[in-house]
Amino acid sequence: MMSAYMAIKYLHLTTVGITITLFVIRFYWRWRGSPWLTRGWVRVTPHINDTLLLITGATLIILSGLSPFSANGRWLLDKLVLVVVYILLGFVALGKHTRREKIRWLAFICGLACLYTIYRLASSKLPLLTGSL
């Protein structure tokens, strides 16, 4: 039987996949000027999914007992910082107030780079920088 931790982990990974998919699709629709962006489910679903993503992530941190401020949890702190950076880049890439397409594209590409780095941190459990500061 699957443990509660593993069930939450799989739910977390599923919401990660949905977040990435929605980010790419919504950016494409914004770039193409698609009317799909005005649909109610397109505006609501990412927020529901991201809330579930946040809840499952916080639950995994609590269940694991790992602190982002400990030596062993430094990779987790790096991951959380990059999540905040990704959110800010998402506002720029998908936002209504970004007028220059070059800035929108740069934010989108940097957002994808953040997602990749977050994936690498979660997979390796190694911090971005080693050594003491």
C-alpha atoms as a PDB file:
ATOM      1  CA  MET A   1       0.000   0.000   0.000  1.00  0.00           C
ATOM      2  CA  MET A   2       1.218   3.497  -0.853  1.00  0.00           C
ATOM      3  CA  SER A   3       2.256   5.697   2.053  1.00  0.00           C
ATOM      4  CA  ALA A   4       0.674   9.093   2.600  1.00  0.00           C
ATOM      5  CA  TYR A   5       4.021  10.728   1.825  1.00  0.00           C
ATOM      6  CA  MET A   6       4.270   8.990  -1.560  1.00  0.00           C
ATOM      7  CA  ALA A   7       0.652   9.809  -2.437  1.00  0.00           C
ATOM      8  CA  ILE A   8       1.259  13.492  -1.679  1.00  0.00           C
ATOM      9  CA  LYS A   9       4.534  13.396  -3.589  1.00  0.00           C
ATOM     10  CA  TYR A  10       2.804  11.996  -6.694  1.00  0.00           C
ATOM     11  CA  LEU A  11       0.049  14.593  -6.391  1.00  0.00           C
ATOM     12  CA  HIS A  12       2.743  17.278  -6.081  1.00  0.00           C
ATOM     13  CA  LEU A  13       4.530  15.994  -9.187  1.00  0.00           C
ATOM     14  CA  THR A  14       1.237  15.906 -11.089  1.00  0.00           C
ATOM     15  CA  THR A  15       0.514  19.528 -10.195  1.00  0.00           C
ATOM     16  CA  VAL A  16       4.056  20.445 -11.287  1.00  0.00           C
ATOM     17  CA  GLY A  17       3.377  18.910 -14.693  1.00  0.00           C
ATOM     18  CA  ILE A  18       0.074  20.761 -14.969  1.00  0.00           C
ATOM     19  CA  THR A  19       1.729  24.047 -13.978  1.00  0.00           C
ATOM     20  CA  ILE A  20       4.424  23.695 -16.629  1.00  0.00           C
ATOM     21  CA  THR A  21       1.892  22.708 -19.282  1.00  0.00           C
ATOM     22  CA  LEU A  22      -0.419  25.613 -18.455  1.00  0.00           C
ATOM     23  CA  PHE A  23       2.508  28.068 -18.401  1.00  0.00           C
ATOM     24  CA  VAL A  24       3.591  27.054 -21.903  1.00  0.00           C
ATOM     25  CA  ILE A  25       0.055  26.937 -23.333  1.00  0.00           C
ATOM     26  CA  ARG A  26      -0.961  30.269 -21.800  1.00  0.00           C
ATOM     27  CA  PHE A  27       2.208  31.910 -23.078  1.00  0.00           C
ATOM     28  CA  TYR A  28       1.522  30.558 -26.553  1.00  0.00           C
ATOM     29  CA  TRP A  29      -2.056  31.858 -26.429  1.00  0.00           C
ATOM     30  CA  ARG A  30      -0.848  35.278 -25.193  1.00  0.00           C
ATOM     31  CA  TRP A  31       1.745  35.430 -27.995  1.00  0.00           C
ATOM     32  CA  ARG A  32      -0.852  34.500 -30.630  1.00  0.00           C
ATOM     33  CA  GLY A  33      -3.546  36.773 -29.159  1.00  0.00           C
ATOM     34  CA  SER A  34      -5.901  33.836 -28.687  1.00  0.00           C
ATOM     35  CA  PRO A  35      -9.398  34.401 -27.287  1.00  0.00           C
ATOM     36  CA  TRP A  36      -8.848  31.280 -25.151  1.00  0.00           C
ATOM     37  CA  LEU A  37      -7.151  33.481 -22.549  1.00  0.00           C
ATOM     38  CA  THR A  38     -10.494  35.075 -21.710  1.00  0.00           C
ATOM     39  CA  ARG A  39     -12.198  31.774 -20.910  1.00  0.00           C
ATOM     40  CA  GLY A  40     -13.124  31.378 -17.256  1.00  0.00           C
ATOM     41  CA  TRP A  41     -11.468  28.003 -16.769  1.00  0.00           C
ATOM     42  CA  VAL A  42      -8.200  29.343 -18.234  1.00  0.00           C
ATOM     43  CA  ARG A  43      -8.150  32.144 -15.657  1.00  0.00           C
ATOM     44  CA  VAL A  44      -9.176  29.954 -12.681  1.00  0.00           C
ATOM     45  CA  THR A  45      -7.516  26.556 -13.242  1.00  0.00           C
ATOM     46  CA  PRO A  46      -3.889  27.743 -12.903  1.00  0.00           C
ATOM     47  CA  HIS A  47      -4.664  29.362  -9.544  1.00  0.00           C
ATOM     48  CA  ILE A  48      -6.387  26.258  -8.204  1.00  0.00           C
ATOM     49  CA  ASN A  49      -3.567  24.026  -9.440  1.00  0.00           C
ATOM     50  CA  ASP A  50      -0.836  26.305  -8.066  1.00  0.00           C
ATOM     51  CA  THR A  51      -2.587  26.452  -4.688  1.00  0.00           C
ATOM     52  CA  LEU A  52      -2.667  22.652  -4.616  1.00  0.00           C
ATOM     53  CA  LEU A  53       0.995  22.635  -5.669  1.00  0.00           C
ATOM     54  CA  LEU A  54       1.887  24.946  -2.774  1.00  0.00           C
ATOM     55  CA  ILE A  55      -0.131  22.922  -0.252  1.00  0.00           C
ATOM     56  CA  THR A  56       1.374  19.591  -1.321  1.00  0.00           C
ATOM     57  CA  GLY A  57       4.882  21.090  -1.320  1.00  0.00           C
ATOM     58  CA  ALA A  58       4.441  22.484   2.193  1.00  0.00           C
ATOM     59  CA  THR A  59       2.987  19.150   3.341  1.00  0.00           C
ATOM     60  CA  LEU A  60       6.007  17.290   1.952  1.00  0.00           C
ATOM     61  CA  ILE A  61       8.344  19.652   3.806  1.00  0.00           C
ATOM     62  CA  ILE A  62       6.438  19.069   7.057  1.00  0.00           C
ATOM     63  CA  LEU A  63       6.247  15.291   6.614  1.00  0.00           C
ATOM     64  CA  SER A  64       9.934  15.022   5.740  1.00  0.00           C
ATOM     65  CA  GLY A  65      11.000  17.162   8.694  1.00  0.00           C
ATOM     66  CA  LEU A  66      13.503  18.896   6.425  1.00  0.00           C
ATOM     67  CA  SER A  67      14.160  22.551   7.143  1.00  0.00           C
ATOM     68  CA  PRO A  68      15.188  24.822   4.260  1.00  0.00           C
ATOM     69  CA  PHE A  69      17.409  26.638   6.761  1.00  0.00           C
ATOM     70  CA  SER A  70      19.419  23.573   7.769  1.00  0.00           C
ATOM     71  CA  ALA A  71      22.646  22.430   6.153  1.00  0.00           C
ATOM     72  CA  ASN A  72      20.897  19.404   4.621  1.00  0.00           C
ATOM     73  CA  GLY A  73      17.995  21.532   3.388  1.00  0.00           C
ATOM     74  CA  ARG A  74      19.957  24.238   1.588  1.00  0.00           C
ATOM     75  CA  TRP A  75      18.829  22.834  -1.777  1.00  0.00           C
ATOM     76  CA  LEU A  76      15.235  23.292  -0.625  1.00  0.00           C
ATOM     77  CA  LEU A  77      15.849  26.953   0.210  1.00  0.00           C
ATOM     78  CA  ASP A  78      17.364  27.417  -3.259  1.00  0.00           C
ATOM     79  CA  LYS A  79      14.301  25.747  -4.748  1.00  0.00           C
ATOM     80  CA  LEU A  80      11.883  27.975  -2.821  1.00  0.00           C
ATOM     81  CA  VAL A  81      13.739  31.125  -3.894  1.00  0.00           C
ATOM     82  CA  LEU A  82      13.579  29.992  -7.519  1.00  0.00           C
ATOM     83  CA  VAL A  83       9.843  29.308  -7.172  1.00  0.00           C
ATOM     84  CA  VAL A  84       9.369  32.962  -6.167  1.00  0.00           C
ATOM     85  CA  VAL A  85      11.543  34.073  -9.110  1.00  0.00           C
ATOM     86  CA  TYR A  86       9.494  31.841 -11.437  1.00  0.00           C
ATOM     87  CA  ILE A  87       6.244  33.398 -10.185  1.00  0.00           C
ATOM     88  CA  LEU A  88       7.573  36.902 -10.832  1.00  0.00           C
ATOM     89  CA  LEU A  89       8.763  35.914 -14.302  1.00  0.00           C
ATOM     90  CA  GLY A  90       5.337  34.413 -14.961  1.00  0.00           C
ATOM     91  CA  PHE A  91       3.713  37.760 -14.154  1.00  0.00           C
ATOM     92  CA  VAL A  92       5.945  39.413 -16.734  1.00  0.00           C
ATOM     93  CA  ALA A  93       5.590  36.678 -19.383  1.00  0.00           C
ATOM     94  CA  LEU A  94       1.815  36.330 -19.076  1.00  0.00           C
ATOM     95  CA  GLY A  95       0.817  39.734 -17.745  1.00  0.00           C
ATOM     96  CA  LYS A  96      -1.370  42.267 -19.473  1.00  0.00           C
ATOM     97  CA  HIS A  97       0.994  45.136 -18.695  1.00  0.00           C
ATOM     98  CA  THR A  98       4.051  43.760 -20.470  1.00  0.00           C
ATOM     99  CA  ARG A  99       4.076  45.676 -23.723  1.00  0.00           C
ATOM    100  CA  ARG A 100       7.420  44.713 -25.244  1.00  0.00           C
ATOM    101  CA  GLU A 101       7.443  41.248 -26.782  1.00  0.00           C
ATOM    102  CA  LYS A 102      11.199  40.884 -26.248  1.00  0.00           C
ATOM    103  CA  ILE A 103      10.719  41.331 -22.499  1.00  0.00           C
ATOM    104  CA  ARG A 104       7.799  38.865 -22.534  1.00  0.00           C
ATOM    105  CA  TRP A 105       9.902  36.266 -24.394  1.00  0.00           C
ATOM    106  CA  LEU A 106      12.906  36.816 -22.118  1.00  0.00           C
ATOM    107  CA  ALA A 107      10.720  36.322 -19.033  1.00  0.00           C
ATOM    108  CA  PHE A 108       9.219  33.159 -20.555  1.00  0.00           C
ATOM    109  CA  ILE A 109      12.625  31.638 -21.373  1.00  0.00           C
ATOM    110  CA  CYS A 110      14.010  32.578 -17.944  1.00  0.00           C
ATOM    111  CA  GLY A 111      10.873  31.070 -16.365  1.00  0.00           C
ATOM    112  CA  LEU A 112      11.523  27.797 -18.181  1.00  0.00           C
ATOM    113  CA  ALA A 113      15.158  27.925 -17.021  1.00  0.00           C
ATOM    114  CA  CYS A 114      13.936  28.391 -13.443  1.00  0.00           C
ATOM    115  CA  LEU A 115      11.626  25.399 -13.787  1.00  0.00           C
ATOM    116  CA  TYR A 116      14.489  23.277 -15.103  1.00  0.00           C
ATOM    117  CA  THR A 117      16.757  24.381 -12.246  1.00  0.00           C
ATOM    118  CA  ILE A 118      13.996  23.646  -9.720  1.00  0.00           C
ATOM    119  CA  TYR A 119      13.681  20.168 -11.227  1.00  0.00           C
ATOM    120  CA  ARG A 120      17.455  19.613 -10.982  1.00  0.00           C
ATOM    121  CA  LEU A 121      17.495  20.771  -7.350  1.00  0.00           C
ATOM    122  CA  ALA A 122      14.620  18.447  -6.435  1.00  0.00           C
ATOM    123  CA  SER A 123      16.238  15.531  -8.266  1.00  0.00           C
ATOM    124  CA  SER A 124      19.767  15.940  -6.969  1.00  0.00           C
ATOM    125  CA  LYS A 125      19.056  17.375  -3.496  1.00  0.00           C
ATOM    126  CA  LEU A 126      22.248  19.422  -3.939  1.00  0.00           C
ATOM    127  CA  PRO A 127      22.371  23.199  -3.357  1.00  0.00           C
ATOM    128  CA  LEU A 128      23.225  25.548  -6.202  1.00  0.00           C
ATOM    129  CA  LEU A 129      26.346  26.797  -4.440  1.00  0.00           C
ATOM    130  CA  THR A 130      28.507  24.696  -2.185  1.00  0.00           C
ATOM    131  CA  GLY A 131      30.763  25.852   0.584  1.00  0.00           C
ATOM    132  CA  SER A 132      30.193  28.395   3.308  1.00  0.00           C
ATOM    133  CA  LEU A 133      29.437  32.035   2.745  1.00  0.00           C
END
